[in-house]
Amino acid sequence: MDADDQLAAPSRSRRRQHLLVVALWIAVIGGYQLWSIRSGVGPGETARRLVDAIQGSAWGPIALIGAYVLRPLLLFPATVLTVAAGYLFGVGLGLAVVVVAANASAMFAYAIGRWFADERLVDDGGGRLRGYAHRMRARGLETTLILRLLLLPFDLVSYLAGFLRIRPLSFLTGTALGSLPSIVAFVLFGASIERFDGGVPSINLRTLGASIALLVVSLALVRVIRRREGPGDAVH
């Protein structure tokens, strides 16, 4: 075996590991989705069952954080658990729980994306992909901040940031700042639900109004940030 073959062997082995993990991951997600469809237990019903299980329990916040951190493996919507936290714990504790859980969940997904990172896939993708990857790395904090404010799929952004090897501190800071307005908004939405017994929930309209206002502010912040950037620096 010559020197090139010796260098290529670990790379081939790593790619085989990645393919095996991806296959298993797809099987798990597919199995969960199939079970969800056949049983009629969607994200909303799953969250309701979780709420019933931990409501009034001293370990409820820990259970919700654990579910929140692990949910990227099943691509379970973060928003559903954020609303559940507001309903369960109110604004103060609910916000504290979700801030911890959301950032831990983001770093978990980021670590998975980073494990799958392969520079050659970026290099083989053409000049446009290389340029986009370089821009994201060079301006990791700003890019992550804008993507979070835009309310793009939470886990997709985390996986992409890890795959493109954005600096961890830049990613975490951008996530913490950029996701805060939406976190507060959805926690407020959950806290606005005063009673829910399976039918039409009883809503506190003032709290709901504050939730909607924060979402509008979040989207307005994106416009302000993008106007301050030059045309060539904007994130597309």
Protein backbone atom coordinates (compact mmCIF):
# COMPACT_ATOMS: atom_id res chain seq x y z
CA MET A 1 0.00 0.00 0.00
CA ASP A 2 1.49 3.34 -1.05
CA ALA A 3 1.36 6.60 0.90
CA ASP A 4 -1.79 7.88 -0.85
CA ASP A 5 -3.65 4.67 -0.10
CA GLN A 6 -2.60 4.86 3.55
CA LEU A 7 -4.00 8.38 3.79
CA ALA A 8 -7.20 7.47 1.97
CA ALA A 9 -7.97 4.41 4.12
CA PRO A 10 -8.96 6.35 7.28
CA SER A 11 -11.06 8.70 5.16
CA ARG A 12 -12.95 5.78 3.58
CA SER A 13 -13.48 4.24 7.00
CA ARG A 14 -14.85 7.51 8.37
CA ARG A 15 -17.23 7.87 5.45
CA ARG A 16 -18.49 4.33 6.03
CA GLN A 17 -19.11 5.21 9.67
CA HIS A 18 -21.01 8.33 8.62
CA LEU A 19 -23.14 6.38 6.15
CA LEU A 20 -23.94 3.74 8.76
CA VAL A 21 -24.95 6.35 11.34
CA VAL A 22 -27.06 8.22 8.78
CA ALA A 23 -28.82 4.99 7.78
CA LEU A 24 -29.60 4.17 11.41
CA TRP A 25 -30.72 7.73 12.07
CA ILE A 26 -33.06 7.72 9.06
CA ALA A 27 -34.47 4.38 10.25
CA VAL A 28 -35.16 5.82 13.72
CA ILE A 29 -36.81 8.96 12.34
CA GLY A 30 -38.79 6.93 9.83
CA GLY A 31 -39.93 4.50 12.53
CA TYR A 32 -41.01 7.35 14.77
CA GLN A 33 -42.92 9.09 11.97
CA LEU A 34 -44.62 5.83 10.97
CA TRP A 35 -45.64 5.17 14.57
CA SER A 36 -46.87 8.75 14.89
CA ILE A 37 -49.05 8.46 11.78
CA ARG A 38 -50.47 5.03 12.62
CA SER A 39 -51.19 5.86 16.24
CA GLY A 40 -52.47 9.34 15.49
CA VAL A 41 -50.04 10.81 18.03
CA GLY A 42 -48.61 13.95 16.42
CA PRO A 43 -46.33 16.54 18.02
CA GLY A 44 -49.25 18.31 19.73
CA GLU A 45 -50.58 15.12 21.29
CA THR A 46 -47.08 14.05 22.31
CA ALA A 47 -46.58 17.39 24.06
CA ARG A 48 -49.97 17.05 25.77
CA ARG A 49 -49.02 13.63 27.12
CA LEU A 50 -45.70 15.01 28.34
CA VAL A 51 -47.53 17.88 30.05
CA ASP A 52 -49.91 15.43 31.75
CA ALA A 53 -46.97 13.30 32.90
CA ILE A 54 -44.88 16.06 34.46
CA GLN A 55 -47.46 18.67 35.47
CA GLY A 56 -47.10 19.51 39.14
CA SER A 57 -43.98 17.38 39.50
CA ALA A 58 -40.82 18.69 41.13
CA TRP A 59 -38.73 17.06 38.42
CA GLY A 60 -40.86 18.51 35.63
CA PRO A 61 -38.33 21.18 34.54
CA ILE A 62 -35.53 18.58 34.37
CA ALA A 63 -37.73 16.21 32.35
CA LEU A 64 -38.64 18.95 29.89
CA ILE A 65 -35.01 19.99 29.50
CA GLY A 66 -34.04 16.37 28.83
CA ALA A 67 -36.77 15.96 26.21
CA TYR A 68 -35.82 19.29 24.63
CA VAL A 69 -32.12 18.42 24.38
CA LEU A 70 -32.76 15.01 22.78
CA ARG A 71 -35.59 16.01 20.43
CA PRO A 72 -33.26 16.94 17.49
CA LEU A 73 -32.65 13.21 17.02
CA LEU A 74 -36.31 12.82 16.04
CA LEU A 75 -36.64 16.28 14.46
CA PHE A 76 -39.38 17.00 16.98
CA PRO A 77 -40.49 20.66 16.74
CA ALA A 78 -38.81 22.87 19.33
CA THR A 79 -41.74 25.32 19.27
CA VAL A 80 -44.15 22.73 20.67
CA LEU A 81 -42.02 22.14 23.76
CA THR A 82 -41.40 25.87 24.18
CA VAL A 83 -45.14 26.52 24.31
CA ALA A 84 -45.54 23.57 26.69
CA ALA A 85 -42.94 25.08 29.03
CA GLY A 86 -44.85 28.36 29.17
CA TYR A 87 -48.09 26.53 29.90
CA LEU A 88 -46.51 24.32 32.58
CA PHE A 89 -44.24 26.73 34.40
CA GLY A 90 -45.44 30.22 33.57
CA VAL A 91 -43.34 33.04 32.16
CA GLY A 92 -40.46 33.19 34.68
CA LEU A 93 -39.55 29.54 35.22
CA GLY A 94 -40.71 28.59 31.74
CA LEU A 95 -38.35 31.11 30.18
CA ALA A 96 -35.41 29.93 32.34
CA VAL A 97 -36.07 26.28 31.44
CA VAL A 98 -36.34 26.93 27.71
CA VAL A 99 -33.28 29.19 27.51
CA VAL A 100 -31.16 26.44 29.08
CA ALA A 101 -32.82 23.68 27.07
CA ALA A 102 -32.78 25.46 23.71
CA ASN A 103 -29.11 26.37 23.87
CA ALA A 104 -28.13 22.90 25.08
CA SER A 105 -30.24 21.38 22.30
CA ALA A 106 -28.63 23.66 19.72
CA MET A 107 -25.12 22.67 20.83
CA PHE A 108 -26.09 18.98 20.76
CA ALA A 109 -27.28 19.28 17.15
CA TYR A 110 -24.22 21.42 16.33
CA ALA A 111 -21.92 18.70 17.69
CA ILE A 112 -23.65 16.11 15.52
CA GLY A 113 -23.28 18.32 12.44
CA ARG A 114 -19.62 18.89 13.25
CA TRP A 115 -19.01 15.16 13.56
CA PHE A 116 -20.37 14.74 10.03
CA ALA A 117 -18.33 17.65 8.66
CA ASP A 118 -16.25 16.83 5.61
CA GLU A 119 -14.30 19.66 3.99
CA ARG A 120 -14.17 17.84 0.66
CA LEU A 121 -17.95 17.93 0.34
CA VAL A 122 -17.80 21.71 0.57
CA ASP A 123 -14.85 21.92 -1.83
CA ASP A 124 -16.57 19.63 -4.35
CA GLY A 125 -19.74 21.70 -4.21
CA GLY A 126 -18.41 24.47 -6.41
CA GLY A 127 -17.27 28.03 -5.90
CA ARG A 128 -20.66 29.32 -4.75
CA LEU A 129 -20.91 26.76 -1.95
CA ARG A 130 -17.32 27.41 -0.90
CA GLY A 131 -17.97 31.14 -0.84
CA TYR A 132 -21.12 30.72 1.23
CA ALA A 133 -19.33 28.41 3.68
CA HIS A 134 -16.42 30.87 3.99
CA ARG A 135 -18.83 33.77 4.62
CA MET A 136 -20.66 31.83 7.32
CA ARG A 137 -17.39 30.93 9.04
CA ALA A 138 -15.97 34.45 8.81
CA ARG A 139 -19.16 36.00 10.20
CA GLY A 140 -20.44 33.12 12.28
CA LEU A 141 -22.04 35.18 15.04
CA GLU A 142 -23.87 37.57 12.68
CA THR A 143 -24.98 34.74 10.38
CA THR A 144 -26.30 32.60 13.21
CA LEU A 145 -28.02 35.62 14.77
CA ILE A 146 -29.88 36.45 11.56
CA LEU A 147 -30.86 32.83 10.86
CA ARG A 148 -32.28 32.54 14.37
CA LEU A 149 -34.18 35.82 14.10
CA LEU A 150 -35.64 34.64 10.79
CA LEU A 151 -37.19 31.68 12.65
CA LEU A 152 -35.71 29.18 10.22
CA PRO A 153 -35.94 25.51 11.31
CA PHE A 154 -34.04 25.42 14.60
CA ASP A 155 -32.30 22.08 14.16
CA LEU A 156 -31.46 22.61 10.50
CA VAL A 157 -29.53 25.78 11.39
CA SER A 158 -27.68 23.94 14.18
CA TYR A 159 -26.73 21.00 11.97
CA LEU A 160 -25.61 23.31 9.17
CA ALA A 161 -23.50 25.44 11.51
CA GLY A 162 -21.76 22.35 12.85
CA PHE A 163 -21.24 20.87 9.40
CA LEU A 164 -19.68 24.10 8.15
CA ARG A 165 -17.54 24.33 11.32
CA ILE A 166 -18.67 27.75 12.46
CA ARG A 167 -16.76 28.56 15.64
CA PRO A 168 -18.62 27.11 18.64
CA LEU A 169 -18.62 30.33 20.67
CA SER A 170 -19.88 32.36 17.71
CA PHE A 171 -22.64 29.83 17.10
CA LEU A 172 -23.67 29.67 20.75
CA THR A 173 -23.68 33.46 21.14
CA GLY A 174 -25.66 33.96 17.92
CA THR A 175 -28.13 31.28 19.00
CA ALA A 176 -28.55 32.67 22.51
CA LEU A 177 -29.20 36.21 21.25
CA GLY A 178 -31.07 35.40 18.06
CA SER A 179 -33.46 32.84 19.51
CA LEU A 180 -34.33 34.83 22.65
CA PRO A 181 -37.14 36.95 21.12
CA SER A 182 -38.92 33.89 19.70
CA ILE A 183 -38.35 31.91 22.90
CA VAL A 184 -39.95 34.68 24.97
CA ALA A 185 -42.79 34.95 22.44
CA PHE A 186 -43.65 31.25 22.47
CA VAL A 187 -43.24 30.94 26.25
CA LEU A 188 -45.67 33.85 26.56
CA PHE A 189 -48.02 32.08 24.17
CA GLY A 190 -47.92 28.97 26.35
CA ALA A 191 -48.41 31.05 29.50
CA SER A 192 -51.42 32.74 27.88
CA ILE A 193 -53.25 29.39 27.87
CA GLU A 194 -55.11 29.52 31.17
CA ARG A 195 -57.00 26.27 30.75
CA PHE A 196 -56.86 23.44 28.23
CA ASP A 197 -58.94 20.28 28.52
CA GLY A 198 -58.70 19.04 24.95
CA GLY A 199 -61.20 21.49 23.49
CA VAL A 200 -60.85 25.19 22.76
CA PRO A 201 -58.30 26.58 25.25
CA SER A 202 -59.01 29.57 27.46
CA ILE A 203 -56.61 32.34 26.43
CA ASN A 204 -55.31 35.39 28.26
CA LEU A 205 -55.52 37.91 25.41
CA ARG A 206 -53.08 40.38 26.95
CA THR A 207 -50.33 37.77 27.24
CA LEU A 208 -51.12 36.48 23.76
CA GLY A 209 -50.83 40.02 22.39
CA ALA A 210 -47.39 40.41 23.98
CA SER A 211 -46.35 37.13 22.35
CA ILE A 212 -47.40 38.29 18.88
CA ALA A 213 -45.73 41.68 19.37
CA LEU A 214 -42.41 40.02 20.21
CA LEU A 215 -42.54 37.90 17.06
CA VAL A 216 -43.08 41.06 15.01
CA VAL A 217 -40.15 42.73 16.78
CA SER A 218 -37.96 39.70 16.02
CA LEU A 219 -38.67 39.93 12.30
CA ALA A 220 -38.18 43.71 12.36
CA LEU A 221 -34.74 43.24 13.91
CA VAL A 222 -33.72 41.14 10.91
CA ARG A 223 -34.54 44.02 8.56
CA VAL A 224 -32.53 46.44 10.69
CA ILE A 225 -29.49 44.16 10.82
CA ARG A 226 -29.57 43.43 7.10
CA ARG A 227 -29.86 47.12 6.23
CA ARG A 228 -26.74 47.84 8.27
CA GLU A 229 -24.82 45.24 6.26
CA GLY A 230 -23.49 45.94 2.82
CA PRO A 231 -25.23 44.26 -0.11
CA GLY A 232 -22.35 41.86 -0.56
CA ASP A 233 -22.30 40.92 3.12
CA ALA A 234 -25.93 40.06 3.56
CA VAL A 235 -26.85 36.50 4.34
CA HIS A 236 -28.86 34.89 1.60
